[in-house]
PDB file of N, CA and C in Angstrom:
ATOM      1  N   MET A   1       0.847  -1.180   0.000  1.00  0.00           N
ATOM      2  CA  MET A   1       0.000   0.000   0.000  1.00  0.00           C
ATOM      3  C   MET A   1       0.893   1.244   0.000  1.00  0.00           C
ATOM      4  N   PRO A   2       0.600   2.187  -0.866  1.00  0.00           N
ATOM      5  CA  PRO A   2       1.432   3.388  -0.948  1.00  0.00           C
ATOM      6  C   PRO A   2       1.280   4.282   0.282  1.00  0.00           C
ATOM      7  N   ALA A   3       2.285   5.066   0.536  1.00  0.00           N
ATOM      8  CA  ALA A   3       2.245   6.009   1.648  1.00  0.00           C
ATOM      9  C   ALA A   3       1.166   7.065   1.422  1.00  0.00           C
ATOM     10  N   PHE A   4       0.926   7.416   0.159  1.00  0.00           N
ATOM     11  CA  PHE A   4      -0.093   8.395  -0.212  1.00  0.00           C
ATOM     12  C   PHE A   4      -1.053   7.732  -1.193  1.00  0.00           C
ATOM     13  N   PRO A   5      -2.073   7.017  -0.698  1.00  0.00           N
ATOM     14  CA  PRO A   5      -2.991   6.318  -1.600  1.00  0.00           C
ATOM     15  C   PRO A   5      -3.932   7.287  -2.320  1.00  0.00           C
ATOM     16  N   ASN A   6      -4.402   6.854  -3.470  1.00  0.00           N
ATOM     17  CA  ASN A   6      -5.380   7.623  -4.240  1.00  0.00           C
ATOM     18  C   ASN A   6      -6.769   7.416  -3.652  1.00  0.00           C
ATOM     19  N   PRO A   7      -7.676   8.361  -3.890  1.00  0.00           N
ATOM     20  CA  PRO A   7      -9.073   8.131  -3.513  1.00  0.00           C
ATOM     21  C   PRO A   7      -9.655   6.980  -4.347  1.00  0.00           C
ATOM     22  N   GLU A   8     -10.779   6.477  -3.924  1.00  0.00           N
ATOM     23  CA  GLU A   8     -11.474   5.441  -4.685  1.00  0.00           C
ATOM     24  C   GLU A   8     -11.827   5.975  -6.073  1.00  0.00           C
ATOM     25  N   LEU A   9     -11.899   5.080  -7.051  1.00  0.00           N
ATOM     26  CA  LEU A   9     -12.173   5.489  -8.435  1.00  0.00           C
ATOM     27  C   LEU A   9     -13.451   6.300  -8.571  1.00  0.00           C
ATOM     28  N   HIS A  10     -14.488   5.933  -7.840  1.00  0.00           N
ATOM     29  CA  HIS A  10     -15.764   6.646  -7.959  1.00  0.00           C
ATOM     30  C   HIS A  10     -15.688   8.070  -7.397  1.00  0.00           C
ATOM     31  N   ALA A  11     -14.648   8.368  -6.627  1.00  0.00           N
ATOM     32  CA  ALA A  11     -14.497   9.691  -6.020  1.00  0.00           C
ATOM     33  C   ALA A  11     -13.541  10.596  -6.802  1.00  0.00           C
ATOM     34  N   LEU A  12     -13.022  10.123  -7.937  1.00  0.00           N
ATOM     35  CA  LEU A  12     -12.073  10.911  -8.724  1.00  0.00           C
ATOM     36  C   LEU A  12     -12.786  11.824  -9.711  1.00  0.00           C
ATOM     37  N   TYR A  13     -12.195  12.971  -9.945  1.00  0.00           N
ATOM     38  CA  TYR A  13     -12.662  13.896 -10.973  1.00  0.00           C
ATOM     39  C   TYR A  13     -11.603  13.959 -12.069  1.00  0.00           C
ATOM     40  N   GLN A  14     -12.034  14.033 -13.294  1.00  0.00           N
ATOM     41  CA  GLN A  14     -11.107  14.079 -14.431  1.00  0.00           C
ATOM     42  C   GLN A  14     -10.153  15.265 -14.315  1.00  0.00           C
ATOM     43  N   ARG A  15     -10.631  16.380 -13.804  1.00  0.00           N
ATOM     44  CA  ARG A  15      -9.789  17.583 -13.698  1.00  0.00           C
ATOM     45  C   ARG A  15      -8.636  17.397 -12.719  1.00  0.00           C
ATOM     46  N   ASP A  16      -8.734  16.407 -11.826  1.00  0.00           N
ATOM     47  CA  ASP A  16      -7.687  16.151 -10.842  1.00  0.00           C
ATOM     48  C   ASP A  16      -6.653  15.134 -11.312  1.00  0.00           C
ATOM     49  N   LEU A  17      -6.776  14.644 -12.548  1.00  0.00           N
ATOM     50  CA  LEU A  17      -5.855  13.638 -13.066  1.00  0.00           C
ATOM     51  C   LEU A  17      -4.906  14.260 -14.070  1.00  0.00           C
ATOM     52  N   GLY A  18      -3.688  13.766 -14.104  1.00  0.00           N
ATOM     53  CA  GLY A  18      -2.710  14.271 -15.064  1.00  0.00           C
ATOM     54  C   GLY A  18      -1.672  13.217 -15.384  1.00  0.00           C
ATOM     55  N   ASP A  19      -0.980  13.441 -16.491  1.00  0.00           N
ATOM     56  CA  ASP A  19       0.081  12.506 -16.874  1.00  0.00           C
ATOM     57  C   ASP A  19       1.328  12.778 -16.023  1.00  0.00           C
ATOM     58  N   ILE A  20       2.381  12.060 -16.303  1.00  0.00           N
ATOM     59  CA  ILE A  20       3.595  12.166 -15.485  1.00  0.00           C
ATOM     60  C   ILE A  20       4.200  13.571 -15.549  1.00  0.00           C
ATOM     61  N   TRP A  21       4.045  14.244 -16.673  1.00  0.00           N
ATOM     62  CA  TRP A  21       4.590  15.599 -16.810  1.00  0.00           C
ATOM     63  C   TRP A  21       3.820  16.586 -15.941  1.00  0.00           C
ATOM     64  N   GLU A  22       2.508  16.450 -15.907  1.00  0.00           N
ATOM     65  CA  GLU A  22       1.702  17.324 -15.051  1.00  0.00           C
ATOM     66  C   GLU A  22       1.961  17.018 -13.573  1.00  0.00           C
ATOM     67  N   ALA A  23       2.124  15.740 -13.251  1.00  0.00           N
ATOM     68  CA  ALA A  23       2.427  15.362 -11.870  1.00  0.00           C
ATOM     69  C   ALA A  23       3.760  15.962 -11.426  1.00  0.00           C
ATOM     70  N   ALA A  24       4.750  15.902 -12.292  1.00  0.00           N
ATOM     71  CA  ALA A  24       6.058  16.477 -11.974  1.00  0.00           C
ATOM     72  C   ALA A  24       5.964  17.987 -11.787  1.00  0.00           C
ATOM     73  N   ARG A  25       5.195  18.647 -12.630  1.00  0.00           N
ATOM     74  CA  ARG A  25       5.017  20.100 -12.516  1.00  0.00           C
ATOM     75  C   ARG A  25       4.372  20.467 -11.184  1.00  0.00           C
ATOM     76  N   VAL A  26       3.319  19.734 -10.806  1.00  0.00           N
ATOM     77  CA  VAL A  26       2.612  19.997  -9.552  1.00  0.00           C
ATOM     78  C   VAL A  26       3.542  19.795  -8.354  1.00  0.00           C
ATOM     79  N   ALA A  27       4.381  18.758  -8.426  1.00  0.00           N
ATOM     80  CA  ALA A  27       5.279  18.432  -7.315  1.00  0.00           C
ATOM     81  C   ALA A  27       6.552  19.275  -7.312  1.00  0.00           C
ATOM     82  N   GLY A  28       6.859  19.915  -8.441  1.00  0.00           N
ATOM     83  CA  GLY A  28       8.083  20.699  -8.525  1.00  0.00           C
ATOM     84  C   GLY A  28       9.321  19.832  -8.652  1.00  0.00           C
ATOM     85  N   VAL A  29       9.161  18.662  -9.299  1.00  0.00           N
ATOM     86  CA  VAL A  29      10.271  17.728  -9.485  1.00  0.00           C
ATOM     87  C   VAL A  29      10.332  17.299 -10.943  1.00  0.00           C
ATOM     88  N   LYS A  30      11.325  16.482 -11.267  1.00  0.00           N
ATOM     89  CA  LYS A  30      11.443  15.940 -12.618  1.00  0.00           C
ATOM     90  C   LYS A  30      10.571  14.687 -12.745  1.00  0.00           C
ATOM     91  N   PRO A  31      10.160  14.331 -13.962  1.00  0.00           N
ATOM     92  CA  PRO A  31       9.356  13.116 -14.147  1.00  0.00           C
ATOM     93  C   PRO A  31      10.029  11.856 -13.591  1.00  0.00           C
ATOM     94  N   GLY A  32      11.348  11.793 -13.653  1.00  0.00           N
ATOM     95  CA  GLY A  32      12.059  10.648 -13.096  1.00  0.00           C
ATOM     96  C   GLY A  32      11.817  10.487 -11.601  1.00  0.00           C
ATOM     97  N   THR A  33      11.654  11.596 -10.899  1.00  0.00           N
ATOM     98  CA  THR A  33      11.378  11.545  -9.470  1.00  0.00           C
ATOM     99  C   THR A  33      10.006  10.933  -9.215  1.00  0.00           C
ATOM    100  N   ILE A  34       9.045  11.261 -10.055  1.00  0.00           N
ATOM    101  CA  ILE A  34       7.708  10.656  -9.939  1.00  0.00           C
ATOM    102  C   ILE A  34       7.822   9.144 -10.091  1.00  0.00           C
ATOM    103  N   ARG A  35       8.624   8.695 -11.059  1.00  0.00           N
ATOM    104  CA  ARG A  35       8.822   7.249 -11.257  1.00  0.00           C
ATOM    105  C   ARG A  35       9.478   6.598 -10.035  1.00  0.00           C
ATOM    106  N   VAL A  36      10.443   7.293  -9.443  1.00  0.00           N
ATOM    107  CA  VAL A  36      11.111   6.772  -8.245  1.00  0.00           C
ATOM    108  C   VAL A  36      10.116   6.682  -7.093  1.00  0.00           C
ATOM    109  N   TRP A  37       9.327   7.714  -6.882  1.00  0.00           N
ATOM    110  CA  TRP A  37       8.325   7.689  -5.812  1.00  0.00           C
ATOM    111  C   TRP A  37       7.379   6.508  -5.998  1.00  0.00           C
ATOM    112  N   GLU A  38       7.000   6.269  -7.249  1.00  0.00           N
ATOM    113  CA  GLU A  38       6.090   5.159  -7.526  1.00  0.00           C
ATOM    114  C   GLU A  38       6.767   3.813  -7.242  1.00  0.00           C
ATOM    115  N   SER A  39       8.008   3.651  -7.672  1.00  0.00           N
ATOM    116  CA  SER A  39       8.704   2.385  -7.467  1.00  0.00           C
ATOM    117  C   SER A  39       8.986   2.126  -5.990  1.00  0.00           C
ATOM    118  N   ARG A  40       9.112   3.172  -5.195  1.00  0.00           N
ATOM    119  CA  ARG A  40       9.386   3.022  -3.757  1.00  0.00           C
ATOM    120  C   ARG A  40       8.116   2.966  -2.912  1.00  0.00           C
ATOM    121  N   GLY A  41       6.963   3.090  -3.554  1.00  0.00           N
ATOM    122  CA  GLY A  41       5.706   2.960  -2.836  1.00  0.00           C
ATOM    123  C   GLY A  41       5.199   4.223  -2.177  1.00  0.00           C
ATOM    124  N   LYS A  42       5.732   5.361  -2.552  1.00  0.00           N
ATOM    125  CA  LYS A  42       5.250   6.618  -1.973  1.00  0.00           C
ATOM    126  C   LYS A  42       3.914   7.011  -2.593  1.00  0.00           C
ATOM    127  N   ILE A  43       3.780   6.797  -3.895  1.00  0.00           N
ATOM    128  CA  ILE A  43       2.556   7.137  -4.629  1.00  0.00           C
ATOM    129  C   ILE A  43       2.172   5.961  -5.520  1.00  0.00           C
ATOM    130  N   GLU A  44       1.004   6.075  -6.146  1.00  0.00           N
ATOM    131  CA  GLU A  44       0.569   5.070  -7.106  1.00  0.00           C
ATOM    132  C   GLU A  44      -0.129   5.743  -8.276  1.00  0.00           C
ATOM    133  N   ARG A  45      -0.181   5.031  -9.381  1.00  0.00           N
ATOM    134  CA  ARG A  45      -0.913   5.518 -10.551  1.00  0.00           C
ATOM    135  C   ARG A  45      -2.397   5.291 -10.360  1.00  0.00           C
ATOM    136  N   VAL A  46      -3.184   6.070 -11.086  1.00  0.00           N
ATOM    137  CA  VAL A  46      -4.615   5.813 -11.183  1.00  0.00           C
ATOM    138  C   VAL A  46      -4.782   4.848 -12.344  1.00  0.00           C
ATOM    139  N   ARG A  47      -5.417   3.758 -12.099  1.00  0.00           N
ATOM    140  CA  ARG A  47      -5.560   2.722 -13.119  1.00  0.00           C
ATOM    141  C   ARG A  47      -6.932   2.802 -13.766  1.00  0.00           C
ATOM    142  N   LEU A  48      -6.980   3.359 -14.974  1.00  0.00           N
ATOM    143  CA  LEU A  48      -8.198   3.414 -15.767  1.00  0.00           C
ATOM    144  C   LEU A  48      -8.025   2.492 -16.960  1.00  0.00           C
ATOM    145  N   GLU A  49      -9.084   1.861 -17.377  1.00  0.00           N
ATOM    146  CA  GLU A  49      -8.991   0.925 -18.494  1.00  0.00           C
ATOM    147  C   GLU A  49      -8.740   1.653 -19.808  1.00  0.00           C
ATOM    148  N   GLY A  50      -7.823   1.108 -20.590  1.00  0.00           N
ATOM    149  CA  GLY A  50      -7.587   1.581 -21.946  1.00  0.00           C
ATOM    150  C   GLY A  50      -6.937   2.935 -22.089  1.00  0.00           C
ATOM    151  N   GLY A  51      -6.396   3.479 -21.033  1.00  0.00           N
ATOM    152  CA  GLY A  51      -5.805   4.806 -21.128  1.00  0.00           C
ATOM    153  C   GLY A  51      -4.355   4.822 -20.687  1.00  0.00           C
ATOM    154  N   GLN A  52      -3.748   5.973 -20.843  1.00  0.00           N
ATOM    155  CA  GLN A  52      -2.372   6.141 -20.411  1.00  0.00           C
ATOM    156  C   GLN A  52      -2.319   6.205 -18.884  1.00  0.00           C
ATOM    157  N   PRO A  53      -1.159   5.948 -18.305  1.00  0.00           N
ATOM    158  CA  PRO A  53      -1.037   6.058 -16.849  1.00  0.00           C
ATOM    159  C   PRO A  53      -1.306   7.497 -16.405  1.00  0.00           C
ATOM    160  N   LEU A  54      -2.129   7.645 -15.406  1.00  0.00           N
ATOM    161  CA  LEU A  54      -2.464   8.962 -14.877  1.00  0.00           C
ATOM    162  C   LEU A  54      -2.168   9.001 -13.387  1.00  0.00           C
ATOM    163  N   TYR A  55      -2.040  10.201 -12.875  1.00  0.00           N
ATOM    164  CA  TYR A  55      -1.755  10.407 -11.459  1.00  0.00           C
ATOM    165  C   TYR A  55      -2.798  11.356 -10.891  1.00  0.00           C
ATOM    166  N   HIS A  56      -3.165  11.131  -9.632  1.00  0.00           N
ATOM    167  CA  HIS A  56      -4.098  12.024  -8.932  1.00  0.00           C
ATOM    168  C   HIS A  56      -3.285  13.206  -8.413  1.00  0.00           C
ATOM    169  N   LEU A  57      -3.460  14.350  -9.033  1.00  0.00           N
ATOM    170  CA  LEU A  57      -2.598  15.509  -8.772  1.00  0.00           C
ATOM    171  C   LEU A  57      -2.664  16.012  -7.330  1.00  0.00           C
ATOM    172  N   PRO A  58      -3.836  16.061  -6.676  1.00  0.00           N
ATOM    173  CA  PRO A  58      -3.827  16.468  -5.262  1.00  0.00           C
ATOM    174  C   PRO A  58      -3.019  15.519  -4.377  1.00  0.00           C
ATOM    175  N   THR A  59      -3.017  14.222  -4.685  1.00  0.00           N
ATOM    176  CA  THR A  59      -2.209  13.269  -3.923  1.00  0.00           C
ATOM    177  C   THR A  59      -0.726  13.515  -4.166  1.00  0.00           C
ATOM    178  N   ILE A  60      -0.362  13.786  -5.413  1.00  0.00           N
ATOM    179  CA  ILE A  60       1.036  14.084  -5.750  1.00  0.00           C
ATOM    180  C   ILE A  60       1.493  15.337  -5.011  1.00  0.00           C
ATOM    181  N   GLU A  61       0.638  16.336  -4.986  1.00  0.00           N
ATOM    182  CA  GLU A  61       0.972  17.588  -4.294  1.00  0.00           C
ATOM    183  C   GLU A  61       1.200  17.342  -2.799  1.00  0.00           C
ATOM    184  N   ALA A  62       0.366  16.513  -2.185  1.00  0.00           N
ATOM    185  CA  ALA A  62       0.531  16.190  -0.766  1.00  0.00           C
ATOM    186  C   ALA A  62       1.827  15.417  -0.535  1.00  0.00           C
ATOM    187  N   ALA A  63       2.140  14.495  -1.409  1.00  0.00           N
ATOM    188  CA  ALA A  63       3.364  13.702  -1.277  1.00  0.00           C
ATOM    189  C   ALA A  63       4.601  14.584  -1.416  1.00  0.00           C
ATOM    190  N   ALA A  64       4.526  15.598  -2.254  1.00  0.00           N
ATOM    191  CA  ALA A  64       5.667  16.480  -2.485  1.00  0.00           C
ATOM    192  C   ALA A  64       5.978  17.349  -1.262  1.00  0.00           C
ATOM    193  N   LYS A  65       4.994  17.569  -0.424  1.00  0.00           N
ATOM    194  CA  LYS A  65       5.205  18.415   0.751  1.00  0.00           C
ATOM    195  C   LYS A  65       5.983  17.702   1.848  1.00  0.00           C
ATOM    196  N   VAL A  66       6.030  16.370   1.794  1.00  0.00           N
ATOM    197  CA  VAL A  66       6.769  15.597   2.792  1.00  0.00           C
ATOM    198  C   VAL A  66       8.194  15.447   2.336  1.00  0.00           C
ATOM    199  N   LYS A  67       9.096  15.990   3.086  1.00  0.00           N
ATOM    200  CA  LYS A  67      10.513  15.954   2.724  1.00  0.00           C
ATOM    201  C   LYS A  67      11.146  14.654   3.181  1.00  0.00           C
ATOM    202  N   PRO A  68      12.084  14.122   2.408  1.00  0.00           N
ATOM    203  CA  PRO A  68      12.748  12.877   2.811  1.00  0.00           C
ATOM    204  C   PRO A  68      13.657  13.095   4.004  1.00  0.00           C
ATOM    205  N   GLY A  69      13.961  12.018   4.674  1.00  0.00           N
ATOM    206  CA  GLY A  69      14.863  12.097   5.813  1.00  0.00           C
ATOM    207  C   GLY A  69      14.280  11.414   7.015  1.00  0.00           C
ATOM    208  N   ARG A  70      15.059  11.380   8.043  1.00  0.00           N
ATOM    209  CA  ARG A  70      14.623  10.730   9.280  1.00  0.00           C
ATOM    210  C   ARG A  70      13.992  11.748  10.202  1.00  0.00           C
ATOM    211  N   PRO A  71      13.004  11.313  10.977  1.00  0.00           N
ATOM    212  CA  PRO A  71      12.408  12.244  11.944  1.00  0.00           C
ATOM    213  C   PRO A  71      13.421  12.613  13.031  1.00  0.00           C
ATOM    214  N   ALA A  72      13.275  13.767  13.592  1.00  0.00           N
ATOM    215  CA  ALA A  72      14.165  14.217  14.663  1.00  0.00           C
ATOM    216  C   ALA A  72      13.968  13.364  15.913  1.00  0.00           C
ATOM    217  N   ARG A  73      15.047  13.141  16.645  1.00  0.00           N
ATOM    218  CA  ARG A  73      14.962  12.376  17.882  1.00  0.00           C
ATOM    219  C   ARG A  73      14.314  13.199  18.984  1.00  0.00           C
ATOM    220  N   ALA A  74      13.606  12.488  19.844  1.00  0.00           N
ATOM    221  CA  ALA A  74      13.034  13.157  21.010  1.00  0.00           C
ATOM    222  C   ALA A  74      14.147  13.492  21.998  1.00  0.00           C
ATOM    223  N   ALA A  75      14.056  14.632  22.622  1.00  0.00           N
ATOM    224  CA  ALA A  75      15.113  15.063  23.548  1.00  0.00           C
ATOM    225  C   ALA A  75      15.056  14.385  24.873  1.00  0.00           C
TER     226      ALA A  75
END
């Protein structure tokens, strides 16, 4: 299960979906970074029949706000 799962298919709006280039633009990263996030389980594609791979842009935006690294230790 991805760290940032997509909403259920019935809850998606077409305006919130984009290809890898739009996902990268929303996240402020390169398309290769989107592929890495997907391969590491941070995000997932929206799976629609017969179409190109799409991404839920609000989910991508939320994932981009979380910076990599370890959490700070408690004092």
